[in-house]
Amino acid sequence: METTSPKGSWLAPEQIRRACDYVELVWREQGGEAEETALAEFHADGPELARLIGEFGALLLAEYLTAVPKEHAGCESAYALRQVAGRYLKRWCLAGGNGAQTARGAAGFLIECMQEADEVGQFLADVRGDADARYGAAAA
């Protein structure tokens, strides 16, 4: 799996940071009381959390991750694959009856994608940094 450079985002930087925080928490979860409390706080948002993770996943698949070999990343088929995967993930997250369970499943899927690309913690730090850089550039 290769990473691609971001082209823009339809999520606000604070939404991206929140989604990164959630995915990282799911990735690092050790089953301790602090992690369970933090997850419960996220899961209280239910369908809103699922919607956010679906949008975040679509962003990652459209702008950061591709399952296509690097030499074919610019091809039409690579673009179509990313778009279809992102749309499917968003629909799955919107249709999920249990928002918290759906969000956790989607986060697990994204973690698997990120582990193919890089170390998950560093990957999420890079995504946060890109969001902050874009926001700072727009505010200047």
Protein backbone atom coordinates (compact mmCIF):
# COMPACT_ATOMS: atom_id res chain seq x y z
CA MET A 1 0.00 0.00 0.00
CA GLU A 2 1.34 3.43 -0.90
CA THR A 3 0.61 6.85 0.52
CA THR A 4 -0.31 9.77 -1.67
CA SER A 5 -0.10 13.47 -0.96
CA PRO A 6 -3.25 15.23 0.26
CA LYS A 7 -5.16 17.40 -2.21
CA GLY A 8 -7.62 19.09 0.16
CA SER A 9 -10.15 18.17 2.77
CA TRP A 10 -13.87 18.41 3.28
CA LEU A 11 -13.40 18.01 7.06
CA ALA A 12 -12.40 20.82 9.39
CA PRO A 13 -9.01 20.45 11.11
CA GLU A 14 -10.65 19.90 14.51
CA GLN A 15 -12.75 17.08 13.03
CA ILE A 16 -9.62 15.49 11.57
CA ARG A 17 -7.82 15.76 14.91
CA ARG A 18 -10.81 14.22 16.73
CA ALA A 19 -11.00 11.35 14.25
CA CYS A 20 -7.24 10.79 14.54
CA ASP A 21 -7.54 10.77 18.33
CA TYR A 22 -10.29 8.16 18.18
CA VAL A 23 -8.52 5.89 15.69
CA GLU A 24 -5.30 6.14 17.68
CA LEU A 25 -7.16 5.30 20.90
CA VAL A 26 -8.69 2.20 19.28
CA TRP A 27 -5.25 1.24 17.94
CA ARG A 28 -3.48 1.69 21.30
CA GLU A 29 -6.24 0.31 23.51
CA GLN A 30 -4.78 -1.88 26.22
CA GLY A 31 -8.04 -2.59 28.03
CA GLY A 32 -7.16 -0.32 30.95
CA GLU A 33 -9.61 1.84 32.82
CA ALA A 34 -8.34 5.10 31.29
CA GLU A 35 -8.72 3.75 27.73
CA GLU A 36 -12.19 2.39 28.47
CA THR A 37 -13.26 5.76 29.90
CA ALA A 38 -11.90 7.64 26.89
CA LEU A 39 -13.61 5.22 24.49
CA ALA A 40 -16.89 5.56 26.38
CA GLU A 41 -16.70 9.35 25.99
CA PHE A 42 -16.23 8.98 22.23
CA HIS A 43 -18.91 6.29 21.97
CA ALA A 44 -21.46 8.53 23.71
CA ASP A 45 -21.66 10.40 20.39
CA GLY A 46 -22.97 7.22 18.71
CA PRO A 47 -24.13 7.96 15.14
CA GLU A 48 -22.22 11.27 15.01
CA LEU A 49 -18.99 9.43 15.78
CA ALA A 50 -19.76 6.82 13.11
CA ARG A 51 -20.46 9.58 10.58
CA LEU A 52 -17.18 11.34 11.48
CA ILE A 53 -15.14 8.14 11.16
CA GLY A 54 -16.84 7.37 7.84
CA GLU A 55 -15.96 10.82 6.50
CA PHE A 56 -12.42 10.55 7.89
CA GLY A 57 -12.00 7.13 6.30
CA ALA A 58 -13.18 8.46 2.96
CA LEU A 59 -10.66 11.30 3.30
CA LEU A 60 -7.82 8.86 4.02
CA LEU A 61 -8.78 6.62 1.12
CA ALA A 62 -9.17 9.55 -1.28
CA GLU A 63 -6.07 11.52 -0.31
CA TYR A 64 -3.60 9.43 1.66
CA LEU A 65 -3.92 5.71 0.99
CA THR A 66 -4.15 3.58 -2.10
CA ALA A 67 -4.01 -0.18 -2.50
CA VAL A 68 -2.61 0.28 -5.99
CA PRO A 69 1.10 -0.16 -6.76
CA LYS A 70 2.97 3.16 -6.78
CA GLU A 71 3.62 3.07 -10.54
CA HIS A 72 -0.16 2.93 -11.17
CA ALA A 73 -1.28 5.38 -8.46
CA GLY A 74 -2.12 8.05 -11.07
CA CYS A 75 -4.21 5.77 -13.29
CA GLU A 76 -7.98 6.11 -13.63
CA SER A 77 -8.52 2.70 -12.07
CA ALA A 78 -6.63 3.76 -8.93
CA TYR A 79 -8.78 6.87 -8.64
CA ALA A 80 -11.95 4.80 -9.09
CA LEU A 81 -10.83 2.28 -6.47
CA ARG A 82 -10.21 5.01 -3.89
CA GLN A 83 -13.52 6.72 -4.64
CA VAL A 84 -15.57 3.52 -4.44
CA ALA A 85 -13.85 2.38 -1.24
CA GLY A 86 -14.41 5.78 0.37
CA ARG A 87 -18.08 5.92 -0.63
CA TYR A 88 -18.65 2.39 0.63
CA LEU A 89 -17.06 3.22 3.99
CA LYS A 90 -19.16 6.38 4.38
CA ARG A 91 -22.38 4.50 3.54
CA TRP A 92 -21.51 1.71 5.94
CA CYS A 93 -20.91 4.21 8.75
CA LEU A 94 -24.13 6.10 8.03
CA ALA A 95 -26.23 2.93 7.84
CA GLY A 96 -24.81 1.30 10.97
CA GLY A 97 -27.50 0.85 13.62
CA ASN A 98 -25.11 1.04 16.56
CA GLY A 99 -22.96 4.12 15.99
CA ALA A 100 -20.23 3.19 18.47
CA GLN A 101 -19.89 -0.36 17.18
CA THR A 102 -19.83 0.85 13.57
CA ALA A 103 -17.22 3.52 14.36
CA ARG A 104 -15.02 0.97 16.09
CA GLY A 105 -15.27 -1.44 13.16
CA ALA A 106 -14.45 1.32 10.67
CA ALA A 107 -11.50 2.42 12.83
CA GLY A 108 -10.24 -1.18 12.79
CA PHE A 109 -10.43 -1.23 8.99
CA LEU A 110 -8.52 2.07 8.75
CA ILE A 111 -5.88 0.82 11.18
CA GLU A 112 -5.30 -2.20 8.94
CA CYS A 113 -4.89 0.13 5.94
CA MET A 114 -2.48 2.39 7.83
CA GLN A 115 -0.38 -0.52 9.07
CA GLU A 116 0.24 -1.39 5.46
CA ALA A 117 1.42 2.15 4.75
CA ASP A 118 3.38 3.09 7.84
CA GLU A 119 3.47 2.91 11.60
CA VAL A 120 -0.04 3.97 12.64
CA GLY A 121 0.97 6.57 15.24
CA GLN A 122 3.30 8.39 12.85
CA PHE A 123 0.78 8.20 10.02
CA LEU A 124 -1.90 9.83 12.19
CA ALA A 125 0.58 12.48 13.36
CA ASP A 126 1.28 13.31 9.70
CA VAL A 127 -2.44 13.58 8.93
CA ARG A 128 -2.94 15.91 11.92
CA GLY A 129 0.02 18.01 10.78
CA ASP A 130 -1.40 18.32 7.26
CA ALA A 131 -4.76 19.44 8.67
CA ASP A 132 -3.08 22.04 10.88
CA ALA A 133 -0.90 23.28 8.02
CA ARG A 134 -3.90 23.68 5.71
CA TYR A 135 -5.92 25.46 8.38
CA GLY A 136 -3.03 27.78 9.23
CA ALA A 137 -2.50 28.58 5.55
CA ALA A 138 -6.19 29.40 5.10
CA ALA A 139 -6.23 31.66 8.16
CA ALA A 140 -3.14 33.64 7.08
